[in-house]
Amino acid sequence: MGDIRTKRIYEPYEETDGRRILVDRLWPRGVSKEAAKLTLWMKEIAPSPELRQWFCHVPERFDSFNQHYQAELDGGSAQPYVRQLLEWSEQGRVTLLYAAKDEQCNHAIVLKQYLERVQLSE
């Protein structure tokens, strides 16, 4: 099984992060591209603007957000990015970077769980 982690982009870079993939649709405030040390900014795999705005990081909406985001990930346009992340995770660690303050209720957690579920079903 692949090695997928999540981390706030505001946390310091570590060599053990492996491939660092920013999975936010918007660039995080106050972070320079140099400091981010990204492998790739994969904004295409982030929740749709409509879903992101509806969720607005309201914890009571997280369960519904989780279901809707996974449905978006199941859609055809996200699948090339899902496959790329899974392939990279088989080669070494992939760290999904996000800017949200809440470390428990955010889209990167949903994406990580989705990727792990897909890995198990293959």
PDB file of N, CA and C in Angstrom:
ATOM      1  N   MET A   1       0.839  -1.182   0.000  1.00  0.00           N
ATOM      2  CA  MET A   1       0.000   0.000   0.000  1.00  0.00           C
ATOM      3  C   MET A   1       0.883   1.243   0.000  1.00  0.00           C
ATOM      4  N   GLY A   2       0.440   2.268  -0.684  1.00  0.00           N
ATOM      5  CA  GLY A   2       1.215   3.504  -0.799  1.00  0.00           C
ATOM      6  C   GLY A   2       1.291   4.287   0.496  1.00  0.00           C
ATOM      7  N   ASP A   3       2.202   5.203   0.529  1.00  0.00           N
ATOM      8  CA  ASP A   3       2.467   6.029   1.704  1.00  0.00           C
ATOM      9  C   ASP A   3       1.946   7.439   1.437  1.00  0.00           C
ATOM     10  N   ILE A   4       0.778   7.758   2.003  1.00  0.00           N
ATOM     11  CA  ILE A   4       0.145   9.056   1.799  1.00  0.00           C
ATOM     12  C   ILE A   4      -0.021   9.737   3.144  1.00  0.00           C
ATOM     13  N   ARG A   5       0.441  10.974   3.225  1.00  0.00           N
ATOM     14  CA  ARG A   5       0.331  11.764   4.452  1.00  0.00           C
ATOM     15  C   ARG A   5      -0.361  13.083   4.136  1.00  0.00           C
ATOM     16  N   THR A   6      -0.818  13.764   5.173  1.00  0.00           N
ATOM     17  CA  THR A   6      -1.349  15.124   5.019  1.00  0.00           C
ATOM     18  C   THR A   6      -0.558  16.049   5.935  1.00  0.00           C
ATOM     19  N   LYS A   7      -0.511  17.322   5.539  1.00  0.00           N
ATOM     20  CA  LYS A   7       0.269  18.285   6.317  1.00  0.00           C
ATOM     21  C   LYS A   7      -0.171  19.692   5.930  1.00  0.00           C
ATOM     22  N   ARG A   8      -0.251  20.558   6.920  1.00  0.00           N
ATOM     23  CA  ARG A   8      -0.533  21.963   6.618  1.00  0.00           C
ATOM     24  C   ARG A   8       0.681  22.550   5.906  1.00  0.00           C
ATOM     25  N   ILE A   9       0.431  23.345   4.897  1.00  0.00           N
ATOM     26  CA  ILE A   9       1.527  23.928   4.128  1.00  0.00           C
ATOM     27  C   ILE A   9       2.333  24.910   4.973  1.00  0.00           C
ATOM     28  N   TYR A  10       1.774  25.366   6.065  1.00  0.00           N
ATOM     29  CA  TYR A  10       2.464  26.310   6.947  1.00  0.00           C
ATOM     30  C   TYR A  10       3.464  25.618   7.872  1.00  0.00           C
ATOM     31  N   GLU A  11       3.419  24.289   7.922  1.00  0.00           N
ATOM     32  CA  GLU A  11       4.411  23.546   8.696  1.00  0.00           C
ATOM     33  C   GLU A  11       5.710  23.503   7.900  1.00  0.00           C
ATOM     34  N   PRO A  12       6.841  23.428   8.595  1.00  0.00           N
ATOM     35  CA  PRO A  12       8.123  23.450   7.877  1.00  0.00           C
ATOM     36  C   PRO A  12       8.323  22.241   6.961  1.00  0.00           C
ATOM     37  N   TYR A  13       9.033  22.480   5.871  1.00  0.00           N
ATOM     38  CA  TYR A  13       9.437  21.427   4.954  1.00  0.00           C
ATOM     39  C   TYR A  13      10.333  20.435   5.681  1.00  0.00           C
ATOM     40  N   GLU A  14      10.146  19.155   5.367  1.00  0.00           N
ATOM     41  CA  GLU A  14      11.025  18.105   5.870  1.00  0.00           C
ATOM     42  C   GLU A  14      11.376  17.195   4.697  1.00  0.00           C
ATOM     43  N   GLU A  15      12.600  16.736   4.658  1.00  0.00           N
ATOM     44  CA  GLU A  15      13.007  15.843   3.572  1.00  0.00           C
ATOM     45  C   GLU A  15      12.163  14.582   3.534  1.00  0.00           C
ATOM     46  N   THR A  16      11.647  14.171   4.685  1.00  0.00           N
ATOM     47  CA  THR A  16      10.828  12.958   4.748  1.00  0.00           C
ATOM     48  C   THR A  16       9.428  13.163   4.164  1.00  0.00           C
ATOM     49  N   ASP A  17       9.096  14.384   3.742  1.00  0.00           N
ATOM     50  CA  ASP A  17       7.788  14.641   3.131  1.00  0.00           C
ATOM     51  C   ASP A  17       7.620  13.903   1.808  1.00  0.00           C
ATOM     52  N   GLY A  18       8.694  13.561   1.159  1.00  0.00           N
ATOM     53  CA  GLY A  18       8.593  12.937  -0.156  1.00  0.00           C
ATOM     54  C   GLY A  18       8.067  13.938  -1.175  1.00  0.00           C
ATOM     55  N   ARG A  19       7.195  13.482  -2.054  1.00  0.00           N
ATOM     56  CA  ARG A  19       6.584  14.400  -3.020  1.00  0.00           C
ATOM     57  C   ARG A  19       5.571  15.277  -2.290  1.00  0.00           C
ATOM     58  N   ARG A  20       5.725  16.569  -2.446  1.00  0.00           N
ATOM     59  CA  ARG A  20       4.848  17.535  -1.784  1.00  0.00           C
ATOM     60  C   ARG A  20       3.854  18.076  -2.813  1.00  0.00           C
ATOM     61  N   ILE A  21       2.573  17.731  -2.604  1.00  0.00           N
ATOM     62  CA  ILE A  21       1.532  18.091  -3.554  1.00  0.00           C
ATOM     63  C   ILE A  21       0.535  19.022  -2.865  1.00  0.00           C
ATOM     64  N   LEU A  22       0.450  20.248  -3.353  1.00  0.00           N
ATOM     65  CA  LEU A  22      -0.551  21.190  -2.842  1.00  0.00           C
ATOM     66  C   LEU A  22      -1.879  20.822  -3.487  1.00  0.00           C
ATOM     67  N   VAL A  23      -2.884  20.531  -2.664  1.00  0.00           N
ATOM     68  CA  VAL A  23      -4.184  20.088  -3.174  1.00  0.00           C
ATOM     69  C   VAL A  23      -5.278  21.129  -2.930  1.00  0.00           C
ATOM     70  N   ASP A  24      -4.895  22.376  -2.764  1.00  0.00           N
ATOM     71  CA  ASP A  24      -5.849  23.485  -2.629  1.00  0.00           C
ATOM     72  C   ASP A  24      -6.077  24.134  -3.990  1.00  0.00           C
ATOM     73  N   ARG A  25      -7.287  24.607  -4.203  1.00  0.00           N
ATOM     74  CA  ARG A  25      -7.602  25.287  -5.459  1.00  0.00           C
ATOM     75  C   ARG A  25      -7.012  26.698  -5.475  1.00  0.00           C
ATOM     76  N   LEU A  26      -6.882  27.309  -4.294  1.00  0.00           N
ATOM     77  CA  LEU A  26      -6.340  28.662  -4.172  1.00  0.00           C
ATOM     78  C   LEU A  26      -4.957  28.597  -3.534  1.00  0.00           C
ATOM     79  N   TRP A  27      -4.068  29.488  -3.964  1.00  0.00           N
ATOM     80  CA  TRP A  27      -2.732  29.528  -3.375  1.00  0.00           C
ATOM     81  C   TRP A  27      -2.839  30.022  -1.930  1.00  0.00           C
ATOM     82  N   PRO A  28      -2.156  29.375  -0.981  1.00  0.00           N
ATOM     83  CA  PRO A  28      -2.242  29.760   0.433  1.00  0.00           C
ATOM     84  C   PRO A  28      -1.594  31.113   0.710  1.00  0.00           C
ATOM     85  N   ARG A  29      -2.252  31.894   1.521  1.00  0.00           N
ATOM     86  CA  ARG A  29      -1.752  33.228   1.866  1.00  0.00           C
ATOM     87  C   ARG A  29      -0.441  33.143   2.627  1.00  0.00           C
ATOM     88  N   GLY A  30       0.460  34.051   2.276  1.00  0.00           N
ATOM     89  CA  GLY A  30       1.698  34.199   3.025  1.00  0.00           C
ATOM     90  C   GLY A  30       2.746  33.139   2.767  1.00  0.00           C
ATOM     91  N   VAL A  31       2.554  32.295   1.766  1.00  0.00           N
ATOM     92  CA  VAL A  31       3.521  31.239   1.458  1.00  0.00           C
ATOM     93  C   VAL A  31       4.124  31.525   0.090  1.00  0.00           C
ATOM     94  N   SER A  32       5.438  31.654   0.051  1.00  0.00           N
ATOM     95  CA  SER A  32       6.097  31.862  -1.246  1.00  0.00           C
ATOM     96  C   SER A  32       6.247  30.522  -1.954  1.00  0.00           C
ATOM     97  N   LYS A  33       6.362  30.568  -3.245  1.00  0.00           N
ATOM     98  CA  LYS A  33       6.542  29.330  -4.020  1.00  0.00           C
ATOM     99  C   LYS A  33       7.845  28.647  -3.625  1.00  0.00           C
ATOM    100  N   GLU A  34       8.866  29.428  -3.302  1.00  0.00           N
ATOM    101  CA  GLU A  34      10.150  28.849  -2.891  1.00  0.00           C
ATOM    102  C   GLU A  34      10.011  28.126  -1.551  1.00  0.00           C
ATOM    103  N   ALA A  35       9.334  28.762  -0.602  1.00  0.00           N
ATOM    104  CA  ALA A  35       9.182  28.169   0.732  1.00  0.00           C
ATOM    105  C   ALA A  35       8.306  26.914   0.693  1.00  0.00           C
ATOM    106  N   ALA A  36       7.365  26.863  -0.244  1.00  0.00           N
ATOM    107  CA  ALA A  36       6.456  25.719  -0.330  1.00  0.00           C
ATOM    108  C   ALA A  36       7.181  24.436  -0.737  1.00  0.00           C
ATOM    109  N   LYS A  37       8.234  24.575  -1.536  1.00  0.00           N
ATOM    110  CA  LYS A  37       9.010  23.422  -2.006  1.00  0.00           C
ATOM    111  C   LYS A  37       8.101  22.320  -2.552  1.00  0.00           C
ATOM    112  N   LEU A  38       7.244  22.713  -3.473  1.00  0.00           N
ATOM    113  CA  LEU A  38       6.276  21.785  -4.037  1.00  0.00           C
ATOM    114  C   LEU A  38       6.875  20.917  -5.133  1.00  0.00           C
ATOM    115  N   THR A  39       6.354  19.719  -5.209  1.00  0.00           N
ATOM    116  CA  THR A  39       6.567  18.888  -6.384  1.00  0.00           C
ATOM    117  C   THR A  39       5.577  19.333  -7.453  1.00  0.00           C
ATOM    118  N   LEU A  40       4.337  19.603  -7.018  1.00  0.00           N
ATOM    119  CA  LEU A  40       3.289  19.980  -7.950  1.00  0.00           C
ATOM    120  C   LEU A  40       2.140  20.651  -7.206  1.00  0.00           C
ATOM    121  N   TRP A  41       1.521  21.626  -7.849  1.00  0.00           N
ATOM    122  CA  TRP A  41       0.277  22.215  -7.358  1.00  0.00           C
ATOM    123  C   TRP A  41      -0.836  21.553  -8.159  1.00  0.00           C
ATOM    124  N   MET A  42      -1.584  20.681  -7.518  1.00  0.00           N
ATOM    125  CA  MET A  42      -2.619  19.900  -8.177  1.00  0.00           C
ATOM    126  C   MET A  42      -3.993  20.473  -7.807  1.00  0.00           C
ATOM    127  N   LYS A  43      -4.254  21.693  -8.236  1.00  0.00           N
ATOM    128  CA  LYS A  43      -5.512  22.359  -7.874  1.00  0.00           C
ATOM    129  C   LYS A  43      -6.720  21.683  -8.498  1.00  0.00           C
ATOM    130  N   GLU A  44      -6.511  20.921  -9.566  1.00  0.00           N
ATOM    131  CA  GLU A  44      -7.617  20.255 -10.251  1.00  0.00           C
ATOM    132  C   GLU A  44      -8.291  19.176  -9.399  1.00  0.00           C
ATOM    133  N   ILE A  45      -7.590  18.682  -8.377  1.00  0.00           N
ATOM    134  CA  ILE A  45      -8.157  17.620  -7.542  1.00  0.00           C
ATOM    135  C   ILE A  45      -8.858  18.186  -6.306  1.00  0.00           C
ATOM    136  N   ALA A  46      -8.777  19.479  -6.114  1.00  0.00           N
ATOM    137  CA  ALA A  46      -9.441  20.136  -4.980  1.00  0.00           C
ATOM    138  C   ALA A  46     -10.951  20.122  -5.185  1.00  0.00           C
ATOM    139  N   PRO A  47     -11.713  20.309  -4.121  1.00  0.00           N
ATOM    140  CA  PRO A  47     -13.172  20.395  -4.278  1.00  0.00           C
ATOM    141  C   PRO A  47     -13.551  21.536  -5.222  1.00  0.00           C
ATOM    142  N   SER A  48     -14.677  21.374  -5.873  1.00  0.00           N
ATOM    143  CA  SER A  48     -15.160  22.419  -6.772  1.00  0.00           C
ATOM    144  C   SER A  48     -15.361  23.720  -5.988  1.00  0.00           C
ATOM    145  N   PRO A  49     -15.267  24.856  -6.665  1.00  0.00           N
ATOM    146  CA  PRO A  49     -15.486  26.133  -5.961  1.00  0.00           C
ATOM    147  C   PRO A  49     -16.839  26.184  -5.259  1.00  0.00           C
ATOM    148  N   GLU A  50     -17.867  25.634  -5.885  1.00  0.00           N
ATOM    149  CA  GLU A  50     -19.201  25.651  -5.273  1.00  0.00           C
ATOM    150  C   GLU A  50     -19.223  24.830  -3.987  1.00  0.00           C
ATOM    151  N   LEU A  51     -18.635  23.646  -4.016  1.00  0.00           N
ATOM    152  CA  LEU A  51     -18.613  22.791  -2.824  1.00  0.00           C
ATOM    153  C   LEU A  51     -17.756  23.420  -1.731  1.00  0.00           C
ATOM    154  N   ARG A  52     -16.614  23.957  -2.102  1.00  0.00           N
ATOM    155  CA  ARG A  52     -15.723  24.596  -1.129  1.00  0.00           C
ATOM    156  C   ARG A  52     -16.422  25.770  -0.447  1.00  0.00           C
ATOM    157  N   GLN A  53     -17.096  26.590  -1.233  1.00  0.00           N
ATOM    158  CA  GLN A  53     -17.783  27.751  -0.666  1.00  0.00           C
ATOM    159  C   GLN A  53     -18.959  27.327   0.219  1.00  0.00           C
ATOM    160  N   TRP A  54     -19.677  26.285  -0.181  1.00  0.00           N
ATOM    161  CA  TRP A  54     -20.786  25.809   0.629  1.00  0.00           C
ATOM    162  C   TRP A  54     -20.275  25.262   1.974  1.00  0.00           C
ATOM    163  N   PHE A  55     -19.219  24.475   1.941  1.00  0.00           N
ATOM    164  CA  PHE A  55     -18.664  23.882   3.167  1.00  0.00           C
ATOM    165  C   PHE A  55     -18.163  24.968   4.112  1.00  0.00           C
ATOM    166  N   CYS A  56     -17.396  25.892   3.607  1.00  0.00           N
ATOM    167  CA  CYS A  56     -16.908  27.047   4.376  1.00  0.00           C
ATOM    168  C   CYS A  56     -16.308  26.638   5.729  1.00  0.00           C
ATOM    169  N   HIS A  57     -15.767  25.434   5.797  1.00  0.00           N
ATOM    170  CA  HIS A  57     -15.115  24.893   7.002  1.00  0.00           C
ATOM    171  C   HIS A  57     -16.027  24.902   8.226  1.00  0.00           C
ATOM    172  N   VAL A  58     -17.320  24.677   8.002  1.00  0.00           N
ATOM    173  CA  VAL A  58     -18.286  24.536   9.092  1.00  0.00           C
ATOM    174  C   VAL A  58     -18.292  23.063   9.502  1.00  0.00           C
ATOM    175  N   PRO A  59     -17.817  22.750  10.712  1.00  0.00           N
ATOM    176  CA  PRO A  59     -17.687  21.335  11.106  1.00  0.00           C
ATOM    177  C   PRO A  59     -18.976  20.527  10.972  1.00  0.00           C
ATOM    178  N   GLU A  60     -20.121  21.144  11.208  1.00  0.00           N
ATOM    179  CA  GLU A  60     -21.400  20.426  11.121  1.00  0.00           C
ATOM    180  C   GLU A  60     -21.715  19.990   9.688  1.00  0.00           C
ATOM    181  N   ARG A  61     -21.071  20.582   8.709  1.00  0.00           N
ATOM    182  CA  ARG A  61     -21.299  20.224   7.308  1.00  0.00           C
ATOM    183  C   ARG A  61     -20.285  19.195   6.799  1.00  0.00           C
ATOM    184  N   PHE A  62     -19.348  18.802   7.651  1.00  0.00           N
ATOM    185  CA  PHE A  62     -18.239  17.977   7.166  1.00  0.00           C
ATOM    186  C   PHE A  62     -18.695  16.633   6.601  1.00  0.00           C
ATOM    187  N   ASP A  63     -19.622  15.946   7.264  1.00  0.00           N
ATOM    188  CA  ASP A  63     -20.053  14.634   6.764  1.00  0.00           C
ATOM    189  C   ASP A  63     -20.662  14.749   5.371  1.00  0.00           C
ATOM    190  N   SER A  64     -21.513  15.747   5.178  1.00  0.00           N
ATOM    191  CA  SER A  64     -22.113  15.958   3.867  1.00  0.00           C
ATOM    192  C   SER A  64     -21.050  16.382   2.847  1.00  0.00           C
ATOM    193  N   PHE A  65     -20.151  17.267   3.272  1.00  0.00           N
ATOM    194  CA  PHE A  65     -19.043  17.684   2.408  1.00  0.00           C
ATOM    195  C   PHE A  65     -18.224  16.470   1.965  1.00  0.00           C
ATOM    196  N   ASN A  66     -17.919  15.588   2.904  1.00  0.00           N
ATOM    197  CA  ASN A  66     -17.144  14.381   2.635  1.00  0.00           C
ATOM    198  C   ASN A  66     -17.803  13.569   1.516  1.00  0.00           C
ATOM    199  N   GLN A  67     -19.102  13.341   1.627  1.00  0.00           N
ATOM    200  CA  GLN A  67     -19.824  12.558   0.616  1.00  0.00           C
ATOM    201  C   GLN A  67     -19.797  13.248  -0.750  1.00  0.00           C
ATOM    202  N   HIS A  68     -20.040  14.556  -0.766  1.00  0.00           N
ATOM    203  CA  HIS A  68     -20.080  15.286  -2.028  1.00  0.00           C
ATOM    204  C   HIS A  68     -18.685  15.347  -2.683  1.00  0.00           C
ATOM    205  N   TYR A  69     -17.664  15.546  -1.876  1.00  0.00           N
ATOM    206  CA  TYR A  69     -16.308  15.616  -2.426  1.00  0.00           C
ATOM    207  C   TYR A  69     -15.891  14.260  -2.989  1.00  0.00           C
ATOM    208  N   GLN A  70     -16.215  13.177  -2.287  1.00  0.00           N
ATOM    209  CA  GLN A  70     -15.881  11.852  -2.820  1.00  0.00           C
ATOM    210  C   GLN A  70     -16.612  11.587  -4.131  1.00  0.00           C
ATOM    211  N   ALA A  71     -17.838  12.086  -4.252  1.00  0.00           N
ATOM    212  CA  ALA A  71     -18.571  11.943  -5.511  1.00  0.00           C
ATOM    213  C   ALA A  71     -17.855  12.714  -6.617  1.00  0.00           C
ATOM    214  N   GLU A  72     -17.339  13.892  -6.289  1.00  0.00           N
ATOM    215  CA  GLU A  72     -16.559  14.642  -7.278  1.00  0.00           C
ATOM    216  C   GLU A  72     -15.301  13.880  -7.674  1.00  0.00           C
ATOM    217  N   LEU A  73     -14.652  13.266  -6.702  1.00  0.00           N
ATOM    218  CA  LEU A  73     -13.434  12.503  -6.992  1.00  0.00           C
ATOM    219  C   LEU A  73     -13.726  11.283  -7.863  1.00  0.00           C
ATOM    220  N   ASP A  74     -14.903  10.712  -7.698  1.00  0.00           N
ATOM    221  CA  ASP A  74     -15.301   9.565  -8.534  1.00  0.00           C
ATOM    222  C   ASP A  74     -15.547   9.991  -9.976  1.00  0.00           C
ATOM    223  N   GLY A  75     -15.796  11.283 -10.187  1.00  0.00           N
ATOM    224  CA  GLY A  75     -16.085  11.787 -11.522  1.00  0.00           C
ATOM    225  C   GLY A  75     -14.880  11.650 -12.437  1.00  0.00           C
ATOM    226  N   GLY A  76     -15.140  11.630 -13.712  1.00  0.00           N
ATOM    227  CA  GLY A  76     -14.105  11.386 -14.705  1.00  0.00           C
ATOM    228  C   GLY A  76     -12.970  12.387 -14.714  1.00  0.00           C
ATOM    229  N   SER A  77     -13.238  13.667 -14.463  1.00  0.00           N
ATOM    230  CA  SER A  77     -12.182  14.676 -14.598  1.00  0.00           C
ATOM    231  C   SER A  77     -11.128  14.571 -13.505  1.00  0.00           C
ATOM    232  N   ALA A  78     -11.469  14.014 -12.350  1.00  0.00           N
ATOM    233  CA  ALA A  78     -10.497  13.878 -11.260  1.00  0.00           C
ATOM    234  C   ALA A  78      -9.647  12.618 -11.384  1.00  0.00           C
ATOM    235  N   GLN A  79     -10.107  11.654 -12.136  1.00  0.00           N
ATOM    236  CA  GLN A  79      -9.447  10.347 -12.156  1.00  0.00           C
ATOM    237  C   GLN A  79      -7.989  10.357 -12.614  1.00  0.00           C
ATOM    238  N   PRO A  80      -7.585  11.151 -13.607  1.00  0.00           N
ATOM    239  CA  PRO A  80      -6.152  11.161 -13.954  1.00  0.00           C
ATOM    240  C   PRO A  80      -5.275  11.623 -12.778  1.00  0.00           C
ATOM    241  N   TYR A  81      -5.782  12.535 -11.989  1.00  0.00           N
ATOM    242  CA  TYR A  81      -5.019  13.037 -10.836  1.00  0.00           C
ATOM    243  C   TYR A  81      -4.994  11.998  -9.716  1.00  0.00           C
ATOM    244  N   VAL A  82      -6.106  11.326  -9.526  1.00  0.00           N
ATOM    245  CA  VAL A  82      -6.168  10.240  -8.544  1.00  0.00           C
ATOM    246  C   VAL A  82      -5.151   9.167  -8.918  1.00  0.00           C
ATOM    247  N   ARG A  83      -5.140   8.763 -10.187  1.00  0.00           N
ATOM    248  CA  ARG A  83      -4.193   7.723 -10.629  1.00  0.00           C
ATOM    249  C   ARG A  83      -2.741   8.170 -10.440  1.00  0.00           C
ATOM    250  N   GLN A  84      -2.460   9.446 -10.727  1.00  0.00           N
ATOM    251  CA  GLN A  84      -1.093   9.956 -10.566  1.00  0.00           C
ATOM    252  C   GLN A  84      -0.663   9.908  -9.099  1.00  0.00           C
ATOM    253  N   LEU A  85      -1.536  10.334  -8.199  1.00  0.00           N
ATOM    254  CA  LEU A  85      -1.208  10.305  -6.772  1.00  0.00           C
ATOM    255  C   LEU A  85      -1.005   8.875  -6.290  1.00  0.00           C
ATOM    256  N   LEU A  86      -1.837   7.960  -6.754  1.00  0.00           N
ATOM    257  CA  LEU A  86      -1.680   6.558  -6.353  1.00  0.00           C
ATOM    258  C   LEU A  86      -0.368   5.980  -6.867  1.00  0.00           C
ATOM    259  N   GLU A  87      -0.024   6.301  -8.100  1.00  0.00           N
ATOM    260  CA  GLU A  87       1.239   5.819  -8.672  1.00  0.00           C
ATOM    261  C   GLU A  87       2.425   6.348  -7.873  1.00  0.00           C
ATOM    262  N   TRP A  88       2.415   7.654  -7.592  1.00  0.00           N
ATOM    263  CA  TRP A  88       3.510   8.235  -6.815  1.00  0.00           C
ATOM    264  C   TRP A  88       3.590   7.632  -5.415  1.00  0.00           C
ATOM    265  N   SER A  89       2.433   7.365  -4.806  1.00  0.00           N
ATOM    266  CA  SER A  89       2.446   6.821  -3.445  1.00  0.00           C
ATOM    267  C   SER A  89       3.017   5.411  -3.407  1.00  0.00           C
ATOM    268  N   GLU A  90       2.936   4.702  -4.523  1.00  0.00           N
ATOM    269  CA  GLU A  90       3.548   3.370  -4.598  1.00  0.00           C
ATOM    270  C   GLU A  90       5.065   3.475  -4.727  1.00  0.00           C
ATOM    271  N   GLN A  91       5.554   4.592  -5.232  1.00  0.00           N
ATOM    272  CA  GLN A  91       6.993   4.795  -5.423  1.00  0.00           C
ATOM    273  C   GLN A  91       7.665   5.376  -4.179  1.00  0.00           C
ATOM    274  N   GLY A  92       6.893   5.972  -3.279  1.00  0.00           N
ATOM    275  CA  GLY A  92       7.438   6.604  -2.084  1.00  0.00           C
ATOM    276  C   GLY A  92       6.388   7.489  -1.447  1.00  0.00           C
ATOM    277  N   ARG A  93       6.773   8.191  -0.424  1.00  0.00           N
ATOM    278  CA  ARG A  93       5.818   9.017   0.309  1.00  0.00           C
ATOM    279  C   ARG A  93       5.303  10.179  -0.527  1.00  0.00           C
ATOM    280  N   VAL A  94       3.994  10.428  -0.383  1.00  0.00           N
ATOM    281  CA  VAL A  94       3.325  11.588  -0.961  1.00  0.00           C
ATOM    282  C   VAL A  94       2.697  12.352   0.191  1.00  0.00           C
ATOM    283  N   THR A  95       2.993  13.637   0.280  1.00  0.00           N
ATOM    284  CA  THR A  95       2.399  14.482   1.309  1.00  0.00           C
ATOM    285  C   THR A  95       1.435  15.450   0.643  1.00  0.00           C
ATOM    286  N   LEU A  96       0.166  15.339   1.032  1.00  0.00           N
ATOM    287  CA  LEU A  96      -0.882  16.218   0.527  1.00  0.00           C
ATOM    288  C   LEU A  96      -0.898  17.473   1.385  1.00  0.00           C
ATOM    289  N   LEU A  97      -0.588  18.598   0.780  1.00  0.00           N
ATOM    290  CA  LEU A  97      -0.498  19.861   1.517  1.00  0.00           C
ATOM    291  C   LEU A  97      -1.784  20.659   1.359  1.00  0.00           C
ATOM    292  N   TYR A  98      -2.199  21.275   2.461  1.00  0.00           N
ATOM    293  CA  TYR A  98      -3.425  22.070   2.481  1.00  0.00           C
ATOM    294  C   TYR A  98      -3.225  23.264   3.397  1.00  0.00           C
ATOM    295  N   ALA A  99      -4.080  24.274   3.256  1.00  0.00           N
ATOM    296  CA  ALA A  99      -3.937  25.494   4.054  1.00  0.00           C
ATOM    297  C   ALA A  99      -4.956  25.611   5.179  1.00  0.00           C
ATOM    298  N   ALA A 100      -5.989  24.796   5.184  1.00  0.00           N
ATOM    299  CA  ALA A 100      -7.061  24.905   6.186  1.00  0.00           C
ATOM    300  C   ALA A 100      -6.494  24.855   7.601  1.00  0.00           C
ATOM    301  N   LYS A 101      -7.122  25.612   8.490  1.00  0.00           N
ATOM    302  CA  LYS A 101      -6.689  25.624   9.894  1.00  0.00           C
ATOM    303  C   LYS A 101      -7.085  24.348  10.619  1.00  0.00           C
ATOM    304  N   ASP A 102      -8.250  23.816  10.295  1.00  0.00           N
ATOM    305  CA  ASP A 102      -8.770  22.621  10.963  1.00  0.00           C
ATOM    306  C   ASP A 102      -8.065  21.386  10.403  1.00  0.00           C
ATOM    307  N   GLU A 103      -7.328  20.712  11.262  1.00  0.00           N
ATOM    308  CA  GLU A 103      -6.545  19.557  10.823  1.00  0.00           C
ATOM    309  C   GLU A 103      -7.365  18.265  10.778  1.00  0.00           C
ATOM    310  N   GLN A 104      -8.612  18.310  11.250  1.00  0.00           N
ATOM    311  CA  GLN A 104      -9.458  17.121  11.274  1.00  0.00           C
ATOM    312  C   GLN A 104     -10.569  17.158  10.228  1.00  0.00           C
ATOM    313  N   CYS A 105     -11.055  18.339   9.919  1.00  0.00           N
ATOM    314  CA  CYS A 105     -12.184  18.500   8.989  1.00  0.00           C
ATOM    315  C   CYS A 105     -11.736  19.340   7.801  1.00  0.00           C
ATOM    316  N   ASN A 106     -11.085  18.709   6.856  1.00  0.00           N
ATOM    317  CA  ASN A 106     -10.644  19.425   5.654  1.00  0.00           C
ATOM    318  C   ASN A 106     -10.602  18.457   4.472  1.00  0.00           C
ATOM    319  N   HIS A 107     -10.497  19.022   3.291  1.00  0.00           N
ATOM    320  CA  HIS A 107     -10.565  18.204   2.073  1.00  0.00           C
ATOM    321  C   HIS A 107      -9.363  17.285   1.893  1.00  0.00           C
ATOM    322  N   ALA A 108      -8.206  17.649   2.419  1.00  0.00           N
ATOM    323  CA  ALA A 108      -7.020  16.786   2.274  1.00  0.00           C
ATOM    324  C   ALA A 108      -7.216  15.469   3.028  1.00  0.00           C
ATOM    325  N   ILE A 109      -7.888  15.521   4.166  1.00  0.00           N
ATOM    326  CA  ILE A 109      -8.185  14.305   4.930  1.00  0.00           C
ATOM    327  C   ILE A 109      -9.119  13.412   4.115  1.00  0.00           C
ATOM    328  N   VAL A 110     -10.141  14.027   3.516  1.00  0.00           N
ATOM    329  CA  VAL A 110     -11.080  13.262   2.674  1.00  0.00           C
ATOM    330  C   VAL A 110     -10.337  12.645   1.494  1.00  0.00           C
ATOM    331  N   LEU A 111      -9.487  13.427   0.851  1.00  0.00           N
ATOM    332  CA  LEU A 111      -8.724  12.931  -0.301  1.00  0.00           C
ATOM    333  C   LEU A 111      -7.824  11.773   0.099  1.00  0.00           C
ATOM    334  N   LYS A 112      -7.134  11.893   1.215  1.00  0.00           N
ATOM    335  CA  LYS A 112      -6.261  10.812   1.698  1.00  0.00           C
ATOM    336  C   LYS A 112      -7.070   9.535   1.925  1.00  0.00           C
ATOM    337  N   GLN A 113      -8.206   9.647   2.601  1.00  0.00           N
ATOM    338  CA  GLN A 113      -9.041   8.475   2.866  1.00  0.00           C
ATOM    339  C   GLN A 113      -9.569   7.878   1.563  1.00  0.00           C
ATOM    340  N   TYR A 114      -9.926   8.732   0.637  1.00  0.00           N
ATOM    341  CA  TYR A 114     -10.407   8.273  -0.675  1.00  0.00           C
ATOM    342  C   TYR A 114      -9.308   7.485  -1.387  1.00  0.00           C
ATOM    343  N   LEU A 115      -8.095   8.040  -1.419  1.00  0.00           N
ATOM    344  CA  LEU A 115      -6.983   7.368  -2.090  1.00  0.00           C
ATOM    345  C   LEU A 115      -6.681   6.020  -1.435  1.00  0.00           C
ATOM    346  N   GLU A 116      -6.722   5.972  -0.122  1.00  0.00           N
ATOM    347  CA  GLU A 116      -6.459   4.711   0.578  1.00  0.00           C
ATOM    348  C   GLU A 116      -7.552   3.690   0.278  1.00  0.00           C
ATOM    349  N   ARG A 117      -8.795   4.133   0.186  1.00  0.00           N
ATOM    350  CA  ARG A 117      -9.894   3.218  -0.148  1.00  0.00           C
ATOM    351  C   ARG A 117      -9.724   2.672  -1.564  1.00  0.00           C
ATOM    352  N   VAL A 118      -9.355   3.532  -2.495  1.00  0.00           N
ATOM    353  CA  VAL A 118      -9.141   3.101  -3.879  1.00  0.00           C
ATOM    354  C   VAL A 118      -7.986   2.104  -3.953  1.00  0.00           C
ATOM    355  N   GLN A 119      -6.917   2.366  -3.187  1.00  0.00           N
ATOM    356  CA  GLN A 119      -5.767   1.440  -3.175  1.00  0.00           C
ATOM    357  C   GLN A 119      -6.187   0.048  -2.715  1.00  0.00           C
ATOM    358  N   LEU A 120      -7.001   0.015  -1.678  1.00  0.00           N
ATOM    359  CA  LEU A 120      -7.421  -1.282  -1.145  1.00  0.00           C
ATOM    360  C   LEU A 120      -8.315  -2.053  -2.109  1.00  0.00           C
ATOM    361  N   SER A 121      -9.069  -1.323  -2.918  1.00  0.00           N
ATOM    362  CA  SER A 121      -9.995  -1.996  -3.836  1.00  0.00           C
ATOM    363  C   SER A 121      -9.310  -2.478  -5.116  1.00  0.00           C
ATOM    364  N   GLU A 122      -8.071  -2.050  -5.338  1.00  0.00           N
ATOM    365  CA  GLU A 122      -7.371  -2.463  -6.565  1.00  0.00           C
ATOM    366  C   GLU A 122      -6.719  -3.819  -6.402  1.00  0.00           C
TER     367      GLU A 122
END
